[in-house]
N, C-alpha and C. Protein backbone atom coordinates (compact mmCIF):
# COMPACT_ATOMS: atom_id res chain seq x y z
N MET A 1 -25.10 -31.28 -16.46
CA MET A 1 -26.50 -31.58 -16.25
C MET A 1 -26.62 -33.06 -15.93
N THR A 2 -27.35 -33.38 -14.91
CA THR A 2 -27.58 -34.75 -14.51
C THR A 2 -28.84 -35.27 -15.16
N THR A 3 -28.74 -36.48 -15.70
CA THR A 3 -29.93 -37.09 -16.26
C THR A 3 -30.30 -38.28 -15.41
N THR A 4 -31.56 -38.54 -15.34
CA THR A 4 -32.02 -39.70 -14.58
C THR A 4 -32.73 -40.64 -15.53
N LYS A 5 -32.62 -41.91 -15.24
CA LYS A 5 -33.27 -42.92 -16.06
C LYS A 5 -34.74 -42.96 -15.67
N LYS A 6 -35.61 -42.69 -16.63
CA LYS A 6 -37.04 -42.72 -16.38
C LYS A 6 -37.60 -43.97 -17.05
N ILE A 7 -38.26 -44.77 -16.25
CA ILE A 7 -38.85 -45.99 -16.77
C ILE A 7 -40.36 -45.87 -16.64
N ARG A 8 -41.01 -45.99 -17.76
CA ARG A 8 -42.47 -45.98 -17.73
C ARG A 8 -42.95 -47.34 -17.24
N THR A 9 -44.00 -47.34 -16.46
CA THR A 9 -44.41 -48.58 -15.81
C THR A 9 -45.60 -49.27 -16.47
N GLY A 10 -46.19 -48.69 -17.46
CA GLY A 10 -47.36 -49.31 -18.07
C GLY A 10 -47.24 -49.38 -19.57
N GLY A 11 -48.26 -49.93 -20.21
CA GLY A 11 -48.35 -49.94 -21.66
C GLY A 11 -47.22 -50.70 -22.34
N ARG A 12 -46.71 -50.09 -23.40
CA ARG A 12 -45.68 -50.72 -24.22
C ARG A 12 -44.43 -51.05 -23.40
N SER A 13 -44.02 -50.16 -22.53
CA SER A 13 -42.84 -50.39 -21.71
C SER A 13 -43.00 -51.63 -20.84
N ALA A 14 -44.16 -51.80 -20.25
CA ALA A 14 -44.41 -52.98 -19.41
C ALA A 14 -44.41 -54.25 -20.24
N ARG A 15 -44.97 -54.18 -21.45
CA ARG A 15 -44.97 -55.36 -22.33
C ARG A 15 -43.56 -55.73 -22.74
N ILE A 16 -42.75 -54.75 -23.04
CA ILE A 16 -41.36 -55.01 -23.42
C ILE A 16 -40.61 -55.62 -22.25
N GLN A 17 -40.77 -55.04 -21.07
CA GLN A 17 -40.10 -55.59 -19.89
C GLN A 17 -40.52 -57.04 -19.66
N GLN A 18 -41.81 -57.30 -19.77
CA GLN A 18 -42.33 -58.65 -19.57
C GLN A 18 -41.73 -59.62 -20.59
N SER A 19 -41.64 -59.21 -21.85
CA SER A 19 -41.10 -60.12 -22.87
C SER A 19 -39.61 -60.36 -22.65
N ILE A 20 -38.89 -59.36 -22.19
CA ILE A 20 -37.46 -59.53 -21.92
C ILE A 20 -37.26 -60.43 -20.70
N HIS A 21 -38.03 -60.21 -19.65
CA HIS A 21 -37.95 -61.07 -18.46
C HIS A 21 -38.28 -62.52 -18.84
N GLN A 22 -39.32 -62.70 -19.64
CA GLN A 22 -39.70 -64.05 -20.07
C GLN A 22 -38.59 -64.70 -20.88
N ALA A 23 -37.98 -63.94 -21.77
CA ALA A 23 -36.88 -64.47 -22.58
C ALA A 23 -35.71 -64.89 -21.68
N VAL A 24 -35.39 -64.09 -20.68
CA VAL A 24 -34.30 -64.44 -19.76
C VAL A 24 -34.63 -65.75 -19.04
N ARG A 25 -35.84 -65.86 -18.50
CA ARG A 25 -36.22 -67.07 -17.76
C ARG A 25 -36.15 -68.31 -18.66
N GLU A 26 -36.64 -68.18 -19.88
CA GLU A 26 -36.61 -69.32 -20.80
C GLU A 26 -35.18 -69.69 -21.18
N LEU A 27 -34.35 -68.70 -21.43
CA LEU A 27 -32.95 -68.97 -21.79
C LEU A 27 -32.18 -69.55 -20.60
N GLN A 28 -32.50 -69.10 -19.40
CA GLN A 28 -31.82 -69.65 -18.22
C GLN A 28 -32.13 -71.13 -18.03
N ALA A 29 -33.27 -71.57 -18.53
CA ALA A 29 -33.65 -72.98 -18.41
C ALA A 29 -32.83 -73.87 -19.34
N THR A 30 -32.28 -73.29 -20.39
CA THR A 30 -31.57 -74.09 -21.38
C THR A 30 -30.10 -73.72 -21.57
N HIS A 31 -29.66 -72.64 -20.93
CA HIS A 31 -28.29 -72.17 -21.09
C HIS A 31 -27.67 -71.87 -19.73
N SER A 32 -26.38 -72.01 -19.65
CA SER A 32 -25.69 -71.64 -18.41
C SER A 32 -25.60 -70.12 -18.33
N ARG A 33 -25.37 -69.64 -17.15
CA ARG A 33 -25.26 -68.19 -16.90
C ARG A 33 -24.17 -67.58 -17.79
N GLU A 34 -23.08 -68.31 -17.97
CA GLU A 34 -21.95 -67.81 -18.75
C GLU A 34 -22.27 -67.72 -20.24
N GLU A 35 -23.24 -68.49 -20.71
CA GLU A 35 -23.61 -68.48 -22.12
C GLU A 35 -24.54 -67.33 -22.49
N LEU A 36 -25.24 -66.77 -21.53
CA LEU A 36 -26.22 -65.72 -21.82
C LEU A 36 -25.53 -64.44 -22.27
N THR A 37 -26.12 -63.83 -23.30
CA THR A 37 -25.63 -62.54 -23.78
C THR A 37 -26.83 -61.61 -23.99
N VAL A 38 -26.55 -60.34 -24.03
CA VAL A 38 -27.60 -59.36 -24.29
C VAL A 38 -28.20 -59.60 -25.67
N CYS A 39 -27.36 -59.90 -26.64
CA CYS A 39 -27.87 -60.13 -28.00
C CYS A 39 -28.79 -61.35 -28.05
N MET A 40 -28.42 -62.41 -27.35
CA MET A 40 -29.24 -63.62 -27.30
C MET A 40 -30.60 -63.32 -26.68
N ILE A 41 -30.59 -62.59 -25.58
CA ILE A 41 -31.83 -62.25 -24.88
C ILE A 41 -32.69 -61.33 -25.74
N ALA A 42 -32.06 -60.34 -26.35
CA ALA A 42 -32.80 -59.40 -27.21
C ALA A 42 -33.47 -60.14 -28.36
N SER A 43 -32.75 -61.05 -28.98
CA SER A 43 -33.32 -61.82 -30.09
C SER A 43 -34.51 -62.65 -29.62
N ALA A 44 -34.37 -63.32 -28.49
CA ALA A 44 -35.46 -64.15 -27.96
C ALA A 44 -36.67 -63.31 -27.57
N ALA A 45 -36.44 -62.07 -27.15
CA ALA A 45 -37.53 -61.19 -26.71
C ALA A 45 -38.12 -60.38 -27.87
N GLY A 46 -37.45 -60.40 -29.01
CA GLY A 46 -37.96 -59.64 -30.15
C GLY A 46 -37.71 -58.15 -30.03
N VAL A 47 -36.60 -57.78 -29.37
CA VAL A 47 -36.23 -56.37 -29.24
C VAL A 47 -34.78 -56.21 -29.70
N THR A 48 -34.34 -54.99 -29.77
CA THR A 48 -32.94 -54.75 -30.13
C THR A 48 -32.09 -54.74 -28.86
N PRO A 49 -30.81 -55.07 -28.98
CA PRO A 49 -29.94 -55.00 -27.80
C PRO A 49 -29.93 -53.62 -27.16
N SER A 50 -30.07 -52.57 -27.99
CA SER A 50 -30.06 -51.22 -27.42
C SER A 50 -31.22 -51.00 -26.46
N THR A 51 -32.34 -51.70 -26.67
CA THR A 51 -33.47 -51.60 -25.74
C THR A 51 -33.05 -52.09 -24.36
N ILE A 52 -32.33 -53.18 -24.32
CA ILE A 52 -31.86 -53.74 -23.04
C ILE A 52 -30.82 -52.81 -22.42
N TYR A 53 -29.85 -52.36 -23.21
CA TYR A 53 -28.81 -51.47 -22.67
C TYR A 53 -29.39 -50.16 -22.17
N ARG A 54 -30.39 -49.64 -22.89
CA ARG A 54 -30.99 -48.37 -22.49
C ARG A 54 -31.72 -48.52 -21.15
N ARG A 55 -32.39 -49.62 -20.96
CA ARG A 55 -33.20 -49.81 -19.75
C ARG A 55 -32.38 -50.32 -18.56
N TRP A 56 -31.47 -51.29 -18.80
CA TRP A 56 -30.75 -51.92 -17.68
C TRP A 56 -29.26 -51.56 -17.64
N GLY A 57 -28.71 -51.12 -18.76
CA GLY A 57 -27.30 -50.74 -18.76
C GLY A 57 -26.36 -51.88 -19.11
N ASP A 58 -26.60 -53.04 -18.54
CA ASP A 58 -25.74 -54.19 -18.82
C ASP A 58 -26.45 -55.49 -18.47
N LEU A 59 -25.85 -56.60 -18.83
CA LEU A 59 -26.44 -57.91 -18.60
C LEU A 59 -26.60 -58.19 -17.11
N THR A 60 -25.62 -57.82 -16.32
CA THR A 60 -25.68 -58.07 -14.88
C THR A 60 -26.89 -57.41 -14.24
N SER A 61 -27.15 -56.17 -14.60
CA SER A 61 -28.31 -55.46 -14.03
C SER A 61 -29.62 -56.07 -14.50
N LEU A 62 -29.68 -56.52 -15.75
CA LEU A 62 -30.89 -57.19 -16.25
C LEU A 62 -31.12 -58.48 -15.47
N LEU A 63 -30.10 -59.29 -15.31
CA LEU A 63 -30.25 -60.55 -14.58
C LEU A 63 -30.66 -60.31 -13.13
N ALA A 64 -30.13 -59.26 -12.53
CA ALA A 64 -30.52 -58.93 -11.15
C ALA A 64 -31.98 -58.51 -11.09
N ASP A 65 -32.43 -57.74 -12.07
CA ASP A 65 -33.82 -57.31 -12.11
C ASP A 65 -34.76 -58.51 -12.27
N VAL A 66 -34.39 -59.43 -13.13
CA VAL A 66 -35.19 -60.65 -13.32
C VAL A 66 -35.19 -61.47 -12.03
N ALA A 67 -34.05 -61.53 -11.36
CA ALA A 67 -33.95 -62.28 -10.10
C ALA A 67 -34.88 -61.72 -9.04
N VAL A 68 -34.89 -60.39 -8.89
CA VAL A 68 -35.77 -59.77 -7.89
C VAL A 68 -37.23 -60.05 -8.24
N ALA A 69 -37.57 -59.93 -9.51
CA ALA A 69 -38.96 -60.20 -9.92
C ALA A 69 -39.33 -61.65 -9.63
N HIS A 70 -38.39 -62.56 -9.84
CA HIS A 70 -38.64 -63.98 -9.58
C HIS A 70 -38.83 -64.24 -8.08
N MET A 71 -38.18 -63.47 -7.24
CA MET A 71 -38.22 -63.68 -5.80
C MET A 71 -39.50 -63.16 -5.15
N ARG A 72 -40.30 -62.40 -5.87
CA ARG A 72 -41.54 -61.87 -5.29
C ARG A 72 -42.49 -63.02 -5.00
N PRO A 73 -42.82 -63.24 -3.72
CA PRO A 73 -43.72 -64.34 -3.37
C PRO A 73 -45.12 -64.13 -3.92
N ASP A 74 -45.77 -65.24 -4.24
CA ASP A 74 -47.14 -65.19 -4.77
C ASP A 74 -48.18 -65.09 -3.67
N THR A 75 -47.82 -65.49 -2.46
CA THR A 75 -48.79 -65.53 -1.36
C THR A 75 -48.22 -64.80 -0.15
N PRO A 76 -49.09 -64.34 0.75
CA PRO A 76 -48.60 -63.70 1.98
C PRO A 76 -47.90 -64.74 2.86
N PRO A 77 -47.13 -64.28 3.83
CA PRO A 77 -46.46 -65.23 4.73
C PRO A 77 -47.47 -66.06 5.51
N ASP A 78 -47.08 -67.29 5.82
CA ASP A 78 -47.95 -68.19 6.59
C ASP A 78 -48.30 -67.58 7.94
N ASP A 79 -49.53 -67.81 8.37
CA ASP A 79 -49.98 -67.37 9.68
C ASP A 79 -50.14 -68.61 10.55
N THR A 80 -49.20 -68.81 11.48
CA THR A 80 -49.24 -69.98 12.36
C THR A 80 -50.00 -69.70 13.65
N GLY A 81 -50.33 -68.43 13.88
CA GLY A 81 -51.04 -68.06 15.09
C GLY A 81 -50.14 -67.52 16.18
N SER A 82 -48.82 -67.51 15.94
CA SER A 82 -47.90 -66.95 16.94
C SER A 82 -46.70 -66.33 16.23
N LEU A 83 -46.11 -65.33 16.86
CA LEU A 83 -44.94 -64.68 16.29
C LEU A 83 -43.78 -65.66 16.11
N PRO A 84 -43.43 -66.48 17.12
CA PRO A 84 -42.32 -67.42 16.90
C PRO A 84 -42.59 -68.38 15.74
N GLY A 85 -43.81 -68.86 15.64
CA GLY A 85 -44.17 -69.76 14.54
C GLY A 85 -44.09 -69.08 13.19
N ASP A 86 -44.58 -67.84 13.12
CA ASP A 86 -44.54 -67.09 11.86
C ASP A 86 -43.10 -66.79 11.45
N LEU A 87 -42.25 -66.43 12.41
CA LEU A 87 -40.85 -66.14 12.09
C LEU A 87 -40.12 -67.39 11.64
N LEU A 88 -40.44 -68.52 12.25
CA LEU A 88 -39.81 -69.77 11.83
C LEU A 88 -40.26 -70.13 10.41
N LYS A 89 -41.54 -69.94 10.10
CA LYS A 89 -42.02 -70.19 8.74
C LYS A 89 -41.34 -69.25 7.74
N PHE A 90 -41.14 -67.99 8.14
CA PHE A 90 -40.42 -67.02 7.31
C PHE A 90 -39.01 -67.53 7.03
N ALA A 91 -38.32 -67.96 8.08
CA ALA A 91 -36.95 -68.47 7.93
C ALA A 91 -36.92 -69.70 7.04
N GLU A 92 -37.86 -70.62 7.25
CA GLU A 92 -37.93 -71.83 6.42
C GLU A 92 -38.17 -71.47 4.96
N PHE A 93 -39.09 -70.53 4.72
CA PHE A 93 -39.41 -70.12 3.35
C PHE A 93 -38.16 -69.61 2.64
N TYR A 94 -37.45 -68.69 3.27
CA TYR A 94 -36.27 -68.12 2.62
C TYR A 94 -35.13 -69.12 2.52
N ALA A 95 -34.94 -69.95 3.52
CA ALA A 95 -33.88 -70.96 3.44
C ALA A 95 -34.17 -71.95 2.31
N ASP A 96 -35.43 -72.36 2.18
CA ASP A 96 -35.80 -73.30 1.11
C ASP A 96 -35.70 -72.65 -0.26
N GLU A 97 -36.29 -71.46 -0.40
CA GLU A 97 -36.32 -70.80 -1.71
C GLU A 97 -34.94 -70.35 -2.17
N LEU A 98 -34.22 -69.68 -1.28
CA LEU A 98 -32.92 -69.14 -1.67
C LEU A 98 -31.80 -70.16 -1.55
N GLY A 99 -32.02 -71.23 -0.82
CA GLY A 99 -31.01 -72.25 -0.66
C GLY A 99 -30.95 -73.24 -1.82
N SER A 100 -31.96 -73.19 -2.70
CA SER A 100 -31.93 -74.05 -3.88
C SER A 100 -30.86 -73.53 -4.84
N GLU A 101 -30.50 -74.34 -5.81
CA GLU A 101 -29.51 -73.88 -6.80
C GLU A 101 -30.00 -72.64 -7.53
N LEU A 102 -31.29 -72.63 -7.90
CA LEU A 102 -31.85 -71.45 -8.55
C LEU A 102 -31.80 -70.25 -7.62
N GLY A 103 -32.18 -70.45 -6.36
CA GLY A 103 -32.16 -69.36 -5.40
C GLY A 103 -30.77 -68.79 -5.20
N LYS A 104 -29.78 -69.65 -5.12
CA LYS A 104 -28.40 -69.19 -4.97
C LYS A 104 -27.97 -68.36 -6.18
N GLN A 105 -28.35 -68.81 -7.38
CA GLN A 105 -28.01 -68.05 -8.58
C GLN A 105 -28.72 -66.70 -8.59
N LEU A 106 -29.97 -66.67 -8.15
CA LEU A 106 -30.69 -65.40 -8.07
C LEU A 106 -29.99 -64.44 -7.12
N LEU A 107 -29.58 -64.95 -5.96
CA LEU A 107 -28.86 -64.11 -5.00
C LEU A 107 -27.54 -63.60 -5.59
N ARG A 108 -26.82 -64.48 -6.28
CA ARG A 108 -25.54 -64.07 -6.89
C ARG A 108 -25.78 -62.99 -7.94
N ASP A 109 -26.84 -63.14 -8.74
CA ASP A 109 -27.14 -62.13 -9.75
C ASP A 109 -27.46 -60.78 -9.09
N ILE A 110 -28.21 -60.81 -8.01
CA ILE A 110 -28.55 -59.57 -7.31
C ILE A 110 -27.30 -58.95 -6.69
N ALA A 111 -26.48 -59.78 -6.06
CA ALA A 111 -25.26 -59.27 -5.41
C ALA A 111 -24.26 -58.74 -6.43
N ALA A 112 -24.29 -59.26 -7.66
CA ALA A 112 -23.30 -58.87 -8.67
C ALA A 112 -23.59 -57.53 -9.33
N THR A 113 -24.81 -57.03 -9.20
CA THR A 113 -25.14 -55.78 -9.88
C THR A 113 -24.38 -54.61 -9.26
N HIS A 114 -24.06 -53.65 -10.09
CA HIS A 114 -23.30 -52.48 -9.63
C HIS A 114 -24.19 -51.38 -9.06
N THR A 115 -25.49 -51.57 -9.11
CA THR A 115 -26.40 -50.59 -8.53
C THR A 115 -27.04 -51.19 -7.28
N SER A 116 -27.48 -50.33 -6.40
CA SER A 116 -28.09 -50.82 -5.18
C SER A 116 -29.60 -51.03 -5.33
N ASP A 117 -30.17 -50.64 -6.45
CA ASP A 117 -31.62 -50.75 -6.64
C ASP A 117 -32.11 -52.18 -6.46
N CYS A 118 -31.46 -53.14 -7.07
CA CYS A 118 -31.93 -54.53 -6.98
C CYS A 118 -31.73 -55.09 -5.58
N THR A 119 -30.62 -54.78 -4.95
CA THR A 119 -30.41 -55.27 -3.59
C THR A 119 -31.43 -54.63 -2.65
N THR A 120 -31.70 -53.36 -2.85
CA THR A 120 -32.70 -52.67 -2.03
C THR A 120 -34.07 -53.30 -2.23
N ARG A 121 -34.44 -53.60 -3.47
CA ARG A 121 -35.74 -54.22 -3.75
C ARG A 121 -35.82 -55.62 -3.16
N CYS A 122 -34.72 -56.36 -3.18
CA CYS A 122 -34.69 -57.70 -2.60
C CYS A 122 -34.97 -57.63 -1.10
N VAL A 123 -34.29 -56.73 -0.42
CA VAL A 123 -34.50 -56.58 1.02
C VAL A 123 -35.92 -56.07 1.28
N GLN A 124 -36.43 -55.21 0.42
CA GLN A 124 -37.79 -54.69 0.60
C GLN A 124 -38.83 -55.80 0.54
N LEU A 125 -38.60 -56.80 -0.31
CA LEU A 125 -39.53 -57.94 -0.36
C LEU A 125 -39.58 -58.65 0.99
N ALA A 126 -38.42 -58.87 1.59
CA ALA A 126 -38.37 -59.50 2.91
C ALA A 126 -38.99 -58.60 3.97
N ARG A 127 -38.71 -57.29 3.88
CA ARG A 127 -39.26 -56.33 4.84
C ARG A 127 -40.79 -56.33 4.79
N GLU A 128 -41.35 -56.36 3.59
CA GLU A 128 -42.81 -56.36 3.46
C GLU A 128 -43.41 -57.59 4.12
N ARG A 129 -42.79 -58.74 3.95
CA ARG A 129 -43.29 -59.97 4.58
C ARG A 129 -43.17 -59.88 6.10
N LEU A 130 -42.06 -59.35 6.57
CA LEU A 130 -41.88 -59.22 8.02
C LEU A 130 -42.85 -58.20 8.61
N GLU A 131 -43.16 -57.15 7.87
CA GLU A 131 -44.14 -56.17 8.35
C GLU A 131 -45.50 -56.82 8.54
N ILE A 132 -45.88 -57.70 7.63
CA ILE A 132 -47.16 -58.42 7.77
C ILE A 132 -47.12 -59.30 9.01
N ILE A 133 -46.02 -60.01 9.22
CA ILE A 133 -45.88 -60.90 10.38
C ILE A 133 -45.95 -60.10 11.67
N VAL A 134 -45.25 -58.99 11.73
CA VAL A 134 -45.22 -58.16 12.94
C VAL A 134 -46.59 -57.54 13.19
N GLU A 135 -47.24 -57.08 12.13
CA GLU A 135 -48.57 -56.49 12.29
C GLU A 135 -49.57 -57.52 12.83
N ARG A 136 -49.51 -58.73 12.32
CA ARG A 136 -50.40 -59.78 12.82
C ARG A 136 -50.12 -60.08 14.29
N ALA A 137 -48.84 -60.14 14.65
CA ALA A 137 -48.48 -60.40 16.05
C ALA A 137 -48.98 -59.28 16.95
N GLN A 138 -48.86 -58.05 16.47
CA GLN A 138 -49.34 -56.90 17.25
C GLN A 138 -50.85 -56.99 17.45
N GLN A 139 -51.58 -57.38 16.42
CA GLN A 139 -53.03 -57.52 16.52
C GLN A 139 -53.41 -58.64 17.49
N ARG A 140 -52.55 -59.63 17.66
CA ARG A 140 -52.81 -60.71 18.61
C ARG A 140 -52.39 -60.31 20.03
N GLY A 141 -51.78 -59.13 20.16
CA GLY A 141 -51.36 -58.66 21.47
C GLY A 141 -49.98 -59.16 21.89
N GLU A 142 -49.23 -59.69 20.94
CA GLU A 142 -47.89 -60.17 21.26
C GLU A 142 -46.90 -59.01 21.29
N ARG A 143 -45.87 -59.18 22.07
CA ARG A 143 -44.77 -58.22 22.10
C ARG A 143 -43.99 -58.39 20.80
N ILE A 144 -43.71 -57.28 20.12
CA ILE A 144 -43.12 -57.38 18.78
C ILE A 144 -41.76 -56.70 18.69
N PRO A 145 -40.87 -57.30 17.91
CA PRO A 145 -39.58 -56.67 17.64
C PRO A 145 -39.70 -55.70 16.47
N ALA A 146 -38.70 -54.86 16.31
CA ALA A 146 -38.67 -53.95 15.16
C ALA A 146 -38.35 -54.74 13.90
N VAL A 147 -38.98 -54.37 12.81
CA VAL A 147 -38.76 -55.06 11.55
C VAL A 147 -37.29 -54.98 11.14
N GLU A 148 -36.66 -53.84 11.34
CA GLU A 148 -35.24 -53.71 10.95
C GLU A 148 -34.35 -54.67 11.74
N MET A 149 -34.70 -54.91 13.01
CA MET A 149 -33.95 -55.88 13.79
C MET A 149 -34.11 -57.27 13.21
N LEU A 150 -35.30 -57.60 12.71
CA LEU A 150 -35.53 -58.89 12.09
C LEU A 150 -34.79 -59.02 10.76
N ILE A 151 -34.71 -57.93 10.03
CA ILE A 151 -33.92 -57.94 8.79
C ILE A 151 -32.46 -58.25 9.12
N ASP A 152 -31.92 -57.53 10.11
CA ASP A 152 -30.51 -57.68 10.47
C ASP A 152 -30.19 -59.02 11.11
N ASN A 153 -31.11 -59.55 11.90
CA ASN A 153 -30.79 -60.73 12.72
C ASN A 153 -31.46 -62.03 12.27
N LEU A 154 -32.32 -61.95 11.27
CA LEU A 154 -32.96 -63.17 10.76
C LEU A 154 -32.73 -63.30 9.25
N PHE A 155 -33.17 -62.32 8.49
CA PHE A 155 -33.04 -62.40 7.04
C PHE A 155 -31.58 -62.34 6.59
N ALA A 156 -30.83 -61.36 7.09
CA ALA A 156 -29.44 -61.20 6.66
C ALA A 156 -28.58 -62.43 6.95
N PRO A 157 -28.66 -63.04 8.15
CA PRO A 157 -27.86 -64.24 8.37
C PRO A 157 -28.25 -65.41 7.46
N ILE A 158 -29.52 -65.51 7.12
CA ILE A 158 -29.94 -66.58 6.21
C ILE A 158 -29.28 -66.37 4.84
N VAL A 159 -29.36 -65.16 4.32
CA VAL A 159 -28.77 -64.86 3.02
C VAL A 159 -27.25 -65.05 3.07
N TYR A 160 -26.62 -64.54 4.12
CA TYR A 160 -25.17 -64.69 4.25
C TYR A 160 -24.77 -66.16 4.24
N ASN A 161 -25.44 -66.95 5.05
CA ASN A 161 -25.11 -68.38 5.13
C ASN A 161 -25.32 -69.08 3.79
N ILE A 162 -26.38 -68.76 3.10
CA ILE A 162 -26.64 -69.37 1.80
C ILE A 162 -25.54 -69.02 0.81
N LEU A 163 -25.12 -67.76 0.79
CA LEU A 163 -24.10 -67.32 -0.16
C LEU A 163 -22.70 -67.80 0.19
N PHE A 164 -22.36 -67.83 1.48
CA PHE A 164 -20.96 -68.04 1.83
C PHE A 164 -20.68 -69.30 2.65
N CYS A 165 -21.69 -69.93 3.18
CA CYS A 165 -21.46 -71.12 4.01
C CYS A 165 -22.32 -72.25 3.47
N GLU A 166 -23.39 -72.52 4.15
CA GLU A 166 -24.37 -73.50 3.68
C GLU A 166 -25.75 -73.05 4.12
N THR A 167 -26.75 -73.57 3.46
CA THR A 167 -28.12 -73.19 3.79
C THR A 167 -28.42 -73.56 5.24
N PRO A 168 -28.92 -72.61 6.02
CA PRO A 168 -29.22 -72.91 7.43
C PRO A 168 -30.26 -74.02 7.56
N ASP A 169 -29.93 -75.04 8.36
CA ASP A 169 -30.89 -76.11 8.60
C ASP A 169 -31.92 -75.64 9.62
N ARG A 170 -32.88 -76.49 9.92
CA ARG A 170 -33.97 -76.12 10.83
C ARG A 170 -33.44 -75.70 12.20
N GLU A 171 -32.43 -76.40 12.71
CA GLU A 171 -31.87 -76.05 14.02
C GLU A 171 -31.28 -74.64 14.00
N HIS A 172 -30.57 -74.33 12.93
CA HIS A 172 -29.99 -72.99 12.78
C HIS A 172 -31.10 -71.94 12.67
N GLN A 173 -32.15 -72.25 11.93
CA GLN A 173 -33.28 -71.33 11.79
C GLN A 173 -33.94 -71.08 13.15
N LEU A 174 -34.14 -72.15 13.91
CA LEU A 174 -34.72 -72.01 15.25
C LEU A 174 -33.85 -71.13 16.14
N ARG A 175 -32.55 -71.31 16.04
CA ARG A 175 -31.62 -70.52 16.84
C ARG A 175 -31.71 -69.04 16.46
N LEU A 176 -31.79 -68.75 15.16
CA LEU A 176 -31.92 -67.35 14.72
C LEU A 176 -33.21 -66.71 15.23
N VAL A 177 -34.31 -67.46 15.11
CA VAL A 177 -35.61 -66.94 15.61
C VAL A 177 -35.54 -66.71 17.10
N SER A 178 -34.99 -67.64 17.83
CA SER A 178 -34.87 -67.52 19.28
C SER A 178 -34.03 -66.29 19.66
N GLN A 179 -32.94 -66.09 18.97
CA GLN A 179 -32.10 -64.92 19.26
C GLN A 179 -32.84 -63.62 18.98
N CYS A 180 -33.61 -63.60 17.90
CA CYS A 180 -34.40 -62.40 17.58
C CYS A 180 -35.41 -62.10 18.68
N LEU A 181 -36.05 -63.13 19.18
CA LEU A 181 -37.09 -62.93 20.18
C LEU A 181 -36.51 -62.58 21.55
N HIS A 182 -35.26 -62.91 21.79
CA HIS A 182 -34.62 -62.57 23.06
C HIS A 182 -33.88 -61.23 22.99
N ASN A 183 -33.71 -60.67 21.81
CA ASN A 183 -32.92 -59.43 21.65
C ASN A 183 -33.76 -58.18 21.55
N TYR A 184 -35.02 -58.23 21.90
CA TYR A 184 -35.82 -57.00 21.83
C TYR A 184 -36.53 -56.75 23.12
């Protein structure tokens, strides 16, 4: 018999998740990644370690979940009035946010998880922002690329470069946007 993990999204469950996420963020401010333990987080959150293991399975998955939650932007993507301008602002936003030391650690935590849920949610955040950008461009009557093409040719190279090379500078970002606009 297959069992599935059911997570309630409101009430007590949401309060517990919020307190655990808060405890992780506070502990990350004062401890290195290597020092964090499930027991330390559970104690800071006022829950038992079994609560964390039951919900996330392990420390890596918890840290990835916190990372994805931290990456959710507070505001919609900038509207510059043109698709090239909006895509460049998108690239700048992700290069700045994910290229910081905190951003790199968030990406590493997401990449380290053994489940695809957090990586999928991370990409979904970028997809949602790109859908807004593309929809605005369409409303302005601009020719628009497919969102998946933008994920593959704009977002993915930014993340790859941040993780394995160096944060793309403005010239690199311009080149990525230009390639996206010429490839559709």
